[in-house]
């Protein structure tokens, strides 16, 4: 992946809390991606991988795994999330909340909208960043998911 779009000084974080930090590019969730995810996770439920059987469901075709949509957050975040000056590592710290609101149909495009909802200095050069994330589905009124995502950035000592 490319380097972060920008670098932010830790002292500037309080001024960014509550603001939108970016919107990712659109990502297509086609059947090939869904099938590959099914193979990696051993989740071959027909609603994901059998277009003929899935036509008989209320969705009218296959849909992406919720965890596939969630996994795309990493790619989306690389495009919009700033790195802290002096950061030597950025870690996925987990989620406080995830809600899958709308299925992503095969062939749809999704993108991530990120806000910085919190930035806590944990000491020792560790910063816990809380992101509000919405994954939008192109031309759909409801998002695929909303989440509260935690990331830990670790700074070089003395920075």
N, C-alpha and C. Protein backbone atom coordinates (compact mmCIF):
# COMPACT_ATOMS: atom_id res chain seq x y z
N UNK A 1 0.84 -1.19 0.00
CA UNK A 1 0.00 0.00 0.00
C UNK A 1 0.88 1.24 0.00
N UNK A 2 0.29 2.31 -0.42
CA UNK A 2 1.00 3.58 -0.45
C UNK A 2 1.16 4.14 0.95
N UNK A 3 2.03 5.12 1.07
CA UNK A 3 2.22 5.81 2.33
C UNK A 3 0.96 6.60 2.67
N UNK A 4 0.74 6.91 3.94
CA UNK A 4 -0.43 7.70 4.33
C UNK A 4 -0.46 9.02 3.55
N UNK A 5 -1.68 9.54 3.39
CA UNK A 5 -1.86 10.76 2.60
C UNK A 5 -1.22 11.97 3.24
N UNK A 6 -1.13 11.98 4.56
CA UNK A 6 -0.49 13.10 5.24
C UNK A 6 0.00 12.65 6.61
N UNK A 7 0.83 13.51 7.18
CA UNK A 7 1.36 13.26 8.51
C UNK A 7 0.86 14.39 9.41
N UNK A 8 0.51 14.02 10.64
CA UNK A 8 -0.03 14.98 11.60
C UNK A 8 0.81 14.94 12.86
N UNK A 9 1.09 16.10 13.42
CA UNK A 9 1.78 16.17 14.71
C UNK A 9 0.82 15.74 15.81
N UNK A 10 1.29 14.96 16.78
CA UNK A 10 0.41 14.54 17.86
C UNK A 10 -0.31 15.72 18.54
N UNK A 11 0.36 16.83 18.66
CA UNK A 11 -0.27 18.00 19.28
C UNK A 11 -1.43 18.58 18.50
N UNK A 12 -1.52 18.22 17.22
CA UNK A 12 -2.62 18.71 16.39
C UNK A 12 -3.87 17.83 16.46
N UNK A 13 -3.76 16.67 17.08
CA UNK A 13 -4.88 15.73 17.11
C UNK A 13 -6.14 16.31 17.78
N UNK A 14 -6.03 17.01 18.92
CA UNK A 14 -7.26 17.51 19.54
C UNK A 14 -8.10 18.39 18.59
N UNK A 15 -7.45 19.14 17.74
CA UNK A 15 -8.17 19.98 16.80
C UNK A 15 -8.85 19.21 15.67
N UNK A 16 -8.45 17.96 15.47
CA UNK A 16 -9.05 17.14 14.42
C UNK A 16 -10.19 16.27 14.92
N UNK A 17 -10.29 16.10 16.24
CA UNK A 17 -11.35 15.26 16.80
C UNK A 17 -12.71 15.87 16.44
N UNK A 18 -13.58 15.01 15.95
CA UNK A 18 -14.91 15.44 15.54
C UNK A 18 -15.01 15.85 14.08
N UNK A 19 -13.91 15.73 13.35
CA UNK A 19 -13.93 16.13 11.94
C UNK A 19 -13.82 14.91 11.03
N UNK A 20 -14.32 15.08 9.81
CA UNK A 20 -14.15 14.04 8.81
C UNK A 20 -12.72 14.12 8.29
N UNK A 21 -12.04 12.99 8.33
CA UNK A 21 -10.65 13.00 7.87
C UNK A 21 -10.51 12.53 6.42
N UNK A 22 -11.57 11.94 5.87
CA UNK A 22 -11.49 11.57 4.47
C UNK A 22 -12.51 10.55 4.04
N UNK A 23 -12.62 10.45 2.72
CA UNK A 23 -13.50 9.48 2.06
C UNK A 23 -12.64 8.72 1.06
N UNK A 24 -12.67 7.42 1.13
CA UNK A 24 -11.84 6.59 0.25
C UNK A 24 -12.40 6.57 -1.17
N UNK A 25 -11.62 6.00 -2.07
CA UNK A 25 -12.09 5.71 -3.41
C UNK A 25 -13.13 4.59 -3.34
N UNK A 26 -13.90 4.47 -4.41
CA UNK A 26 -14.85 3.37 -4.52
C UNK A 26 -14.09 2.06 -4.77
N UNK A 27 -14.59 0.97 -4.20
CA UNK A 27 -14.04 -0.37 -4.38
C UNK A 27 -15.16 -1.26 -4.90
N UNK A 28 -14.91 -1.96 -5.99
CA UNK A 28 -15.94 -2.86 -6.52
C UNK A 28 -15.89 -4.19 -5.77
N UNK A 29 -17.07 -4.66 -5.41
CA UNK A 29 -17.20 -5.94 -4.73
C UNK A 29 -17.88 -6.88 -5.72
N UNK A 30 -17.07 -7.45 -6.60
CA UNK A 30 -17.62 -8.32 -7.64
C UNK A 30 -17.61 -9.78 -7.17
N UNK A 31 -18.18 -10.65 -8.01
CA UNK A 31 -18.30 -12.05 -7.62
C UNK A 31 -16.94 -12.71 -7.44
N UNK A 32 -15.96 -12.31 -8.22
CA UNK A 32 -14.62 -12.89 -8.07
C UNK A 32 -14.04 -12.59 -6.70
N UNK A 33 -14.24 -11.37 -6.21
CA UNK A 33 -13.74 -11.00 -4.88
C UNK A 33 -14.49 -11.78 -3.80
N UNK A 34 -15.80 -11.90 -3.97
CA UNK A 34 -16.63 -12.65 -3.00
C UNK A 34 -16.20 -14.12 -2.97
N UNK A 35 -15.99 -14.70 -4.15
CA UNK A 35 -15.57 -16.11 -4.20
C UNK A 35 -14.20 -16.30 -3.56
N UNK A 36 -13.28 -15.38 -3.82
CA UNK A 36 -11.94 -15.48 -3.23
C UNK A 36 -12.01 -15.39 -1.71
N UNK A 37 -12.85 -14.50 -1.20
CA UNK A 37 -13.02 -14.37 0.25
C UNK A 37 -13.62 -15.65 0.83
N UNK A 38 -14.59 -16.22 0.12
CA UNK A 38 -15.20 -17.48 0.57
C UNK A 38 -14.14 -18.58 0.66
N UNK A 39 -13.24 -18.63 -0.32
CA UNK A 39 -12.19 -19.64 -0.30
C UNK A 39 -11.22 -19.45 0.86
N UNK A 40 -10.86 -18.21 1.13
CA UNK A 40 -9.90 -17.91 2.20
C UNK A 40 -10.51 -18.21 3.57
N UNK A 41 -11.81 -17.95 3.74
CA UNK A 41 -12.43 -18.09 5.05
C UNK A 41 -13.22 -19.40 5.22
N UNK A 42 -13.28 -20.19 4.16
CA UNK A 42 -14.08 -21.42 4.18
C UNK A 42 -15.55 -21.16 4.50
N UNK A 43 -16.06 -20.01 4.06
CA UNK A 43 -17.47 -19.67 4.24
C UNK A 43 -18.11 -19.66 2.85
N UNK A 44 -18.64 -20.81 2.45
CA UNK A 44 -19.22 -20.97 1.12
C UNK A 44 -20.74 -21.02 1.17
N UNK A 45 -21.35 -20.29 2.09
CA UNK A 45 -22.81 -20.25 2.14
C UNK A 45 -23.35 -19.82 0.77
N UNK A 46 -24.41 -20.46 0.32
CA UNK A 46 -24.91 -20.23 -1.05
C UNK A 46 -25.24 -18.77 -1.33
N UNK A 47 -25.66 -18.04 -0.34
CA UNK A 47 -26.04 -16.64 -0.55
C UNK A 47 -24.86 -15.81 -1.05
N UNK A 48 -23.66 -16.31 -0.83
CA UNK A 48 -22.46 -15.62 -1.29
C UNK A 48 -21.92 -16.17 -2.61
N UNK A 49 -22.01 -17.48 -2.83
CA UNK A 49 -21.25 -18.09 -3.92
C UNK A 49 -22.08 -18.80 -4.99
N UNK A 50 -23.38 -18.88 -4.83
CA UNK A 50 -24.21 -19.57 -5.81
C UNK A 50 -25.24 -18.61 -6.40
N UNK A 51 -24.87 -17.93 -7.50
CA UNK A 51 -25.77 -16.93 -8.09
C UNK A 51 -27.16 -17.47 -8.44
N UNK A 52 -27.25 -18.70 -8.90
CA UNK A 52 -28.55 -19.26 -9.28
C UNK A 52 -29.46 -19.45 -8.06
N UNK A 53 -28.93 -20.08 -7.02
CA UNK A 53 -29.71 -20.28 -5.80
C UNK A 53 -30.04 -18.95 -5.13
N UNK A 54 -29.09 -18.02 -5.17
CA UNK A 54 -29.28 -16.73 -4.50
C UNK A 54 -30.34 -15.87 -5.18
N UNK A 55 -30.65 -16.15 -6.44
CA UNK A 55 -31.71 -15.39 -7.13
C UNK A 55 -33.05 -15.54 -6.44
N UNK A 56 -33.26 -16.67 -5.77
CA UNK A 56 -34.53 -16.96 -5.11
C UNK A 56 -34.67 -16.27 -3.75
N UNK A 57 -33.63 -15.57 -3.30
CA UNK A 57 -33.68 -14.89 -2.01
C UNK A 57 -34.22 -13.47 -2.20
N UNK A 58 -34.55 -12.80 -1.13
CA UNK A 58 -35.01 -11.40 -1.23
C UNK A 58 -33.97 -10.46 -1.85
N UNK A 59 -32.70 -10.89 -1.91
CA UNK A 59 -31.65 -10.04 -2.45
C UNK A 59 -31.55 -10.15 -3.97
N UNK A 60 -32.12 -11.21 -4.54
CA UNK A 60 -32.13 -11.37 -5.99
C UNK A 60 -30.81 -11.79 -6.59
N UNK A 61 -29.86 -12.12 -5.77
CA UNK A 61 -28.54 -12.53 -6.23
C UNK A 61 -27.60 -12.65 -5.06
N UNK A 62 -26.34 -12.90 -5.35
CA UNK A 62 -25.37 -13.09 -4.28
C UNK A 62 -25.03 -11.76 -3.61
N UNK A 63 -24.62 -11.89 -2.35
CA UNK A 63 -24.19 -10.74 -1.56
C UNK A 63 -22.82 -11.04 -0.94
N UNK A 64 -22.11 -9.98 -0.66
CA UNK A 64 -20.79 -10.12 -0.02
C UNK A 64 -20.95 -10.55 1.43
N UNK A 65 -19.97 -11.26 1.93
CA UNK A 65 -19.89 -11.57 3.35
C UNK A 65 -19.77 -10.24 4.11
N UNK A 66 -20.40 -10.14 5.26
CA UNK A 66 -20.22 -8.94 6.07
C UNK A 66 -18.76 -8.73 6.43
N UNK A 67 -18.06 -9.83 6.72
CA UNK A 67 -16.65 -9.71 7.09
C UNK A 67 -15.78 -9.30 5.90
N UNK A 68 -16.21 -9.60 4.68
CA UNK A 68 -15.49 -9.10 3.51
C UNK A 68 -15.59 -7.57 3.46
N UNK A 69 -16.79 -7.07 3.63
CA UNK A 69 -16.98 -5.62 3.63
C UNK A 69 -16.15 -4.99 4.74
N UNK A 70 -16.18 -5.58 5.92
CA UNK A 70 -15.40 -5.07 7.04
C UNK A 70 -13.90 -5.10 6.73
N UNK A 71 -13.44 -6.16 6.09
CA UNK A 71 -12.01 -6.29 5.80
C UNK A 71 -11.51 -5.22 4.83
N UNK A 72 -12.39 -4.67 4.03
CA UNK A 72 -11.99 -3.62 3.09
C UNK A 72 -11.65 -2.31 3.79
N UNK A 73 -11.98 -2.20 5.07
CA UNK A 73 -11.66 -0.97 5.81
C UNK A 73 -10.16 -0.69 5.81
N UNK A 74 -9.34 -1.73 5.89
CA UNK A 74 -7.89 -1.50 5.90
C UNK A 74 -7.46 -0.78 4.63
N UNK A 75 -7.91 -1.27 3.51
CA UNK A 75 -7.56 -0.64 2.23
C UNK A 75 -8.06 0.81 2.20
N UNK A 76 -9.27 1.01 2.64
CA UNK A 76 -9.86 2.35 2.62
C UNK A 76 -9.12 3.30 3.54
N UNK A 77 -8.75 2.81 4.71
CA UNK A 77 -8.06 3.66 5.69
C UNK A 77 -6.70 4.10 5.18
N UNK A 78 -5.99 3.23 4.46
CA UNK A 78 -4.69 3.63 3.90
C UNK A 78 -4.81 4.87 3.04
N UNK A 79 -5.94 5.04 2.39
CA UNK A 79 -6.13 6.16 1.49
C UNK A 79 -6.40 7.48 2.21
N UNK A 80 -6.92 7.42 3.43
CA UNK A 80 -7.38 8.67 4.06
C UNK A 80 -6.80 8.97 5.44
N UNK A 81 -6.33 7.96 6.14
CA UNK A 81 -5.92 8.16 7.53
C UNK A 81 -4.51 8.75 7.61
N UNK A 82 -4.36 9.82 8.37
CA UNK A 82 -3.02 10.39 8.55
C UNK A 82 -2.18 9.53 9.50
N UNK A 83 -0.88 9.62 9.31
CA UNK A 83 0.06 9.00 10.25
C UNK A 83 0.53 10.09 11.21
N UNK A 84 0.85 9.70 12.41
CA UNK A 84 1.41 10.66 13.36
C UNK A 84 2.89 10.84 13.06
N UNK A 85 3.36 12.06 13.20
CA UNK A 85 4.79 12.33 13.03
C UNK A 85 5.57 11.45 14.01
N UNK A 86 6.59 10.79 13.50
CA UNK A 86 7.42 9.93 14.33
C UNK A 86 6.86 8.54 14.55
N UNK A 87 5.75 8.20 13.90
CA UNK A 87 5.17 6.87 14.09
C UNK A 87 6.06 5.80 13.46
N UNK A 88 6.30 4.74 14.21
CA UNK A 88 7.07 3.61 13.69
C UNK A 88 6.18 2.40 13.45
N UNK A 89 4.96 2.45 13.96
CA UNK A 89 4.02 1.35 13.76
C UNK A 89 2.60 1.85 13.95
N UNK A 90 1.69 1.25 13.20
CA UNK A 90 0.26 1.51 13.36
C UNK A 90 -0.42 0.15 13.42
N UNK A 91 -1.20 -0.07 14.46
CA UNK A 91 -1.80 -1.37 14.70
C UNK A 91 -3.31 -1.28 14.75
N UNK A 92 -3.97 -2.31 14.26
CA UNK A 92 -5.41 -2.45 14.43
C UNK A 92 -5.63 -2.83 15.89
N UNK A 93 -6.36 -2.00 16.63
CA UNK A 93 -6.55 -2.23 18.06
C UNK A 93 -7.92 -2.85 18.35
N UNK A 94 -8.77 -2.92 17.32
CA UNK A 94 -10.07 -3.56 17.49
C UNK A 94 -11.23 -2.63 17.21
N UNK A 95 -12.40 -3.07 17.61
CA UNK A 95 -13.64 -2.32 17.39
C UNK A 95 -14.42 -2.26 18.69
N UNK A 96 -15.05 -1.13 18.93
CA UNK A 96 -15.99 -1.05 20.04
C UNK A 96 -17.40 -1.36 19.58
N UNK A 97 -17.67 -1.15 18.29
CA UNK A 97 -19.01 -1.41 17.78
C UNK A 97 -18.92 -1.63 16.28
N UNK A 98 -19.66 -2.63 15.81
CA UNK A 98 -19.81 -2.87 14.38
C UNK A 98 -21.28 -3.24 14.15
N UNK A 99 -21.88 -2.60 13.17
CA UNK A 99 -23.24 -2.96 12.79
C UNK A 99 -23.30 -3.11 11.27
N UNK A 100 -23.78 -4.27 10.82
CA UNK A 100 -23.99 -4.52 9.40
C UNK A 100 -25.43 -4.13 9.08
N UNK A 101 -25.61 -3.06 8.31
CA UNK A 101 -26.94 -2.50 8.11
C UNK A 101 -27.60 -2.88 6.80
N UNK A 102 -26.81 -3.09 5.77
CA UNK A 102 -27.36 -3.37 4.44
C UNK A 102 -26.40 -4.32 3.72
N UNK A 103 -26.93 -5.37 3.10
CA UNK A 103 -26.03 -6.27 2.37
C UNK A 103 -25.46 -5.59 1.13
N UNK A 104 -24.26 -5.98 0.77
CA UNK A 104 -23.59 -5.48 -0.43
C UNK A 104 -23.79 -6.53 -1.52
N UNK A 105 -24.54 -6.16 -2.55
CA UNK A 105 -24.81 -7.09 -3.65
C UNK A 105 -23.58 -7.22 -4.54
N UNK A 106 -23.41 -8.40 -5.09
CA UNK A 106 -22.31 -8.62 -6.01
C UNK A 106 -22.37 -7.60 -7.14
N UNK A 107 -21.22 -6.98 -7.41
CA UNK A 107 -21.13 -5.97 -8.45
C UNK A 107 -21.24 -4.55 -7.94
N UNK A 108 -21.61 -4.38 -6.67
CA UNK A 108 -21.76 -3.05 -6.10
C UNK A 108 -20.39 -2.43 -5.79
N UNK A 109 -20.39 -1.12 -5.66
CA UNK A 109 -19.17 -0.41 -5.24
C UNK A 109 -19.41 0.18 -3.86
N UNK A 110 -18.37 0.13 -3.04
CA UNK A 110 -18.44 0.66 -1.67
C UNK A 110 -17.26 1.60 -1.45
N UNK A 111 -17.43 2.49 -0.47
CA UNK A 111 -16.34 3.38 -0.05
C UNK A 111 -16.50 3.67 1.42
N UNK A 112 -15.39 4.07 2.05
CA UNK A 112 -15.38 4.36 3.48
C UNK A 112 -15.32 5.85 3.74
N UNK A 113 -16.12 6.28 4.69
CA UNK A 113 -16.13 7.67 5.17
C UNK A 113 -15.66 7.64 6.62
N UNK A 114 -14.59 8.38 6.92
CA UNK A 114 -13.93 8.30 8.23
C UNK A 114 -13.98 9.63 8.96
N UNK A 115 -14.31 9.57 10.25
CA UNK A 115 -14.17 10.72 11.14
C UNK A 115 -13.23 10.32 12.27
N UNK A 116 -12.50 11.30 12.79
CA UNK A 116 -11.67 11.06 13.97
C UNK A 116 -12.53 11.42 15.18
N UNK A 117 -12.92 10.41 15.94
CA UNK A 117 -13.82 10.62 17.07
C UNK A 117 -13.10 10.72 18.40
N UNK A 118 -11.82 10.37 18.43
CA UNK A 118 -11.06 10.48 19.68
C UNK A 118 -9.60 10.22 19.44
N UNK A 119 -8.78 10.84 20.29
CA UNK A 119 -7.33 10.66 20.23
C UNK A 119 -6.80 10.73 21.65
N UNK A 120 -6.35 9.60 22.16
CA UNK A 120 -5.91 9.53 23.55
C UNK A 120 -4.43 9.18 23.63
N UNK A 121 -3.67 10.03 24.31
CA UNK A 121 -2.26 9.77 24.57
C UNK A 121 -2.19 8.75 25.70
N UNK A 122 -1.72 7.55 25.38
CA UNK A 122 -1.65 6.47 26.36
C UNK A 122 -0.28 6.40 27.04
N UNK A 123 0.59 7.34 26.73
CA UNK A 123 1.93 7.35 27.32
C UNK A 123 2.87 6.41 26.60
N UNK A 124 4.14 6.62 26.81
CA UNK A 124 5.14 5.76 26.20
C UNK A 124 5.16 5.84 24.69
N UNK A 125 4.70 6.96 24.13
CA UNK A 125 4.67 7.12 22.68
C UNK A 125 3.53 6.39 21.99
N UNK A 126 2.50 6.00 22.76
CA UNK A 126 1.36 5.29 22.18
C UNK A 126 0.14 6.22 22.13
N UNK A 127 -0.48 6.28 20.97
CA UNK A 127 -1.70 7.06 20.78
C UNK A 127 -2.82 6.14 20.31
N UNK A 128 -3.93 6.15 21.05
CA UNK A 128 -5.11 5.38 20.67
C UNK A 128 -6.05 6.31 19.93
N UNK A 129 -6.29 5.99 18.65
CA UNK A 129 -7.16 6.80 17.81
C UNK A 129 -8.47 6.06 17.58
N UNK A 130 -9.57 6.78 17.77
CA UNK A 130 -10.91 6.21 17.59
C UNK A 130 -11.52 6.83 16.33
N UNK A 131 -11.87 5.95 15.39
CA UNK A 131 -12.46 6.39 14.12
C UNK A 131 -13.92 5.97 14.04
N UNK A 132 -14.75 6.88 13.61
CA UNK A 132 -16.10 6.53 13.20
C UNK A 132 -16.04 6.23 11.72
N UNK A 133 -16.54 5.07 11.33
CA UNK A 133 -16.45 4.65 9.93
C UNK A 133 -17.84 4.28 9.43
N UNK A 134 -18.15 4.77 8.25
CA UNK A 134 -19.37 4.37 7.54
C UNK A 134 -18.95 3.85 6.18
N UNK A 135 -19.38 2.64 5.85
CA UNK A 135 -19.12 2.10 4.51
C UNK A 135 -20.40 2.30 3.70
N UNK A 136 -20.28 3.18 2.72
CA UNK A 136 -21.40 3.53 1.86
C UNK A 136 -21.44 2.60 0.65
N UNK A 137 -22.66 2.33 0.19
CA UNK A 137 -22.87 1.55 -1.03
C UNK A 137 -23.35 2.54 -2.09
N UNK A 138 -22.68 2.55 -3.22
CA UNK A 138 -23.03 3.49 -4.28
C UNK A 138 -24.51 3.34 -4.68
N UNK A 139 -25.21 4.46 -4.74
CA UNK A 139 -26.63 4.54 -5.14
C UNK A 139 -27.59 3.83 -4.20
N UNK A 140 -27.18 3.63 -2.96
CA UNK A 140 -28.06 3.03 -1.95
C UNK A 140 -28.22 4.01 -0.79
N UNK A 141 -29.43 4.14 -0.25
CA UNK A 141 -29.63 5.10 0.84
C UNK A 141 -29.04 4.68 2.18
N UNK A 142 -28.97 3.36 2.43
CA UNK A 142 -28.43 2.87 3.69
C UNK A 142 -27.00 2.40 3.50
N UNK A 143 -26.16 2.62 4.52
CA UNK A 143 -24.79 2.13 4.43
C UNK A 143 -24.71 0.63 4.66
N UNK A 144 -23.62 0.04 4.18
CA UNK A 144 -23.37 -1.38 4.41
C UNK A 144 -23.09 -1.63 5.88
N UNK A 145 -22.27 -0.76 6.47
CA UNK A 145 -21.94 -0.93 7.88
C UNK A 145 -21.51 0.39 8.49
N UNK A 146 -21.61 0.45 9.80
CA UNK A 146 -21.04 1.53 10.59
C UNK A 146 -20.23 0.88 11.70
N UNK A 147 -19.14 1.53 12.08
CA UNK A 147 -18.26 0.94 13.08
C UNK A 147 -17.52 2.01 13.86
N UNK A 148 -17.13 1.65 15.07
CA UNK A 148 -16.21 2.44 15.88
C UNK A 148 -14.91 1.63 15.90
N UNK A 149 -13.91 2.11 15.19
CA UNK A 149 -12.67 1.38 14.97
C UNK A 149 -11.54 2.03 15.74
N UNK A 150 -10.75 1.22 16.41
CA UNK A 150 -9.63 1.71 17.22
C UNK A 150 -8.31 1.37 16.54
N UNK A 151 -7.43 2.35 16.52
CA UNK A 151 -6.10 2.15 15.98
C UNK A 151 -5.05 2.67 16.95
N UNK A 152 -3.98 1.96 17.09
CA UNK A 152 -2.88 2.38 17.96
C UNK A 152 -1.70 2.78 17.09
N UNK A 153 -1.21 4.00 17.28
CA UNK A 153 0.02 4.41 16.60
C UNK A 153 1.11 4.53 17.66
N UNK A 154 2.27 4.00 17.32
CA UNK A 154 3.38 3.96 18.26
C UNK A 154 4.49 4.85 17.69
N UNK A 155 4.94 5.80 18.51
CA UNK A 155 5.96 6.76 18.10
C UNK A 155 7.34 6.32 18.56
N UNK A 156 8.36 6.79 17.84
CA UNK A 156 9.72 6.58 18.32
C UNK A 156 9.86 7.24 19.67
N UNK A 157 10.63 6.64 20.53
CA UNK A 157 10.87 7.25 21.83
C UNK A 157 11.54 8.61 21.65
N UNK A 158 11.09 9.56 22.42
CA UNK A 158 11.69 10.89 22.37
C UNK A 158 11.06 11.82 21.35
N UNK A 159 10.02 11.36 20.66
CA UNK A 159 9.37 12.22 19.67
C UNK A 159 8.17 12.86 20.30
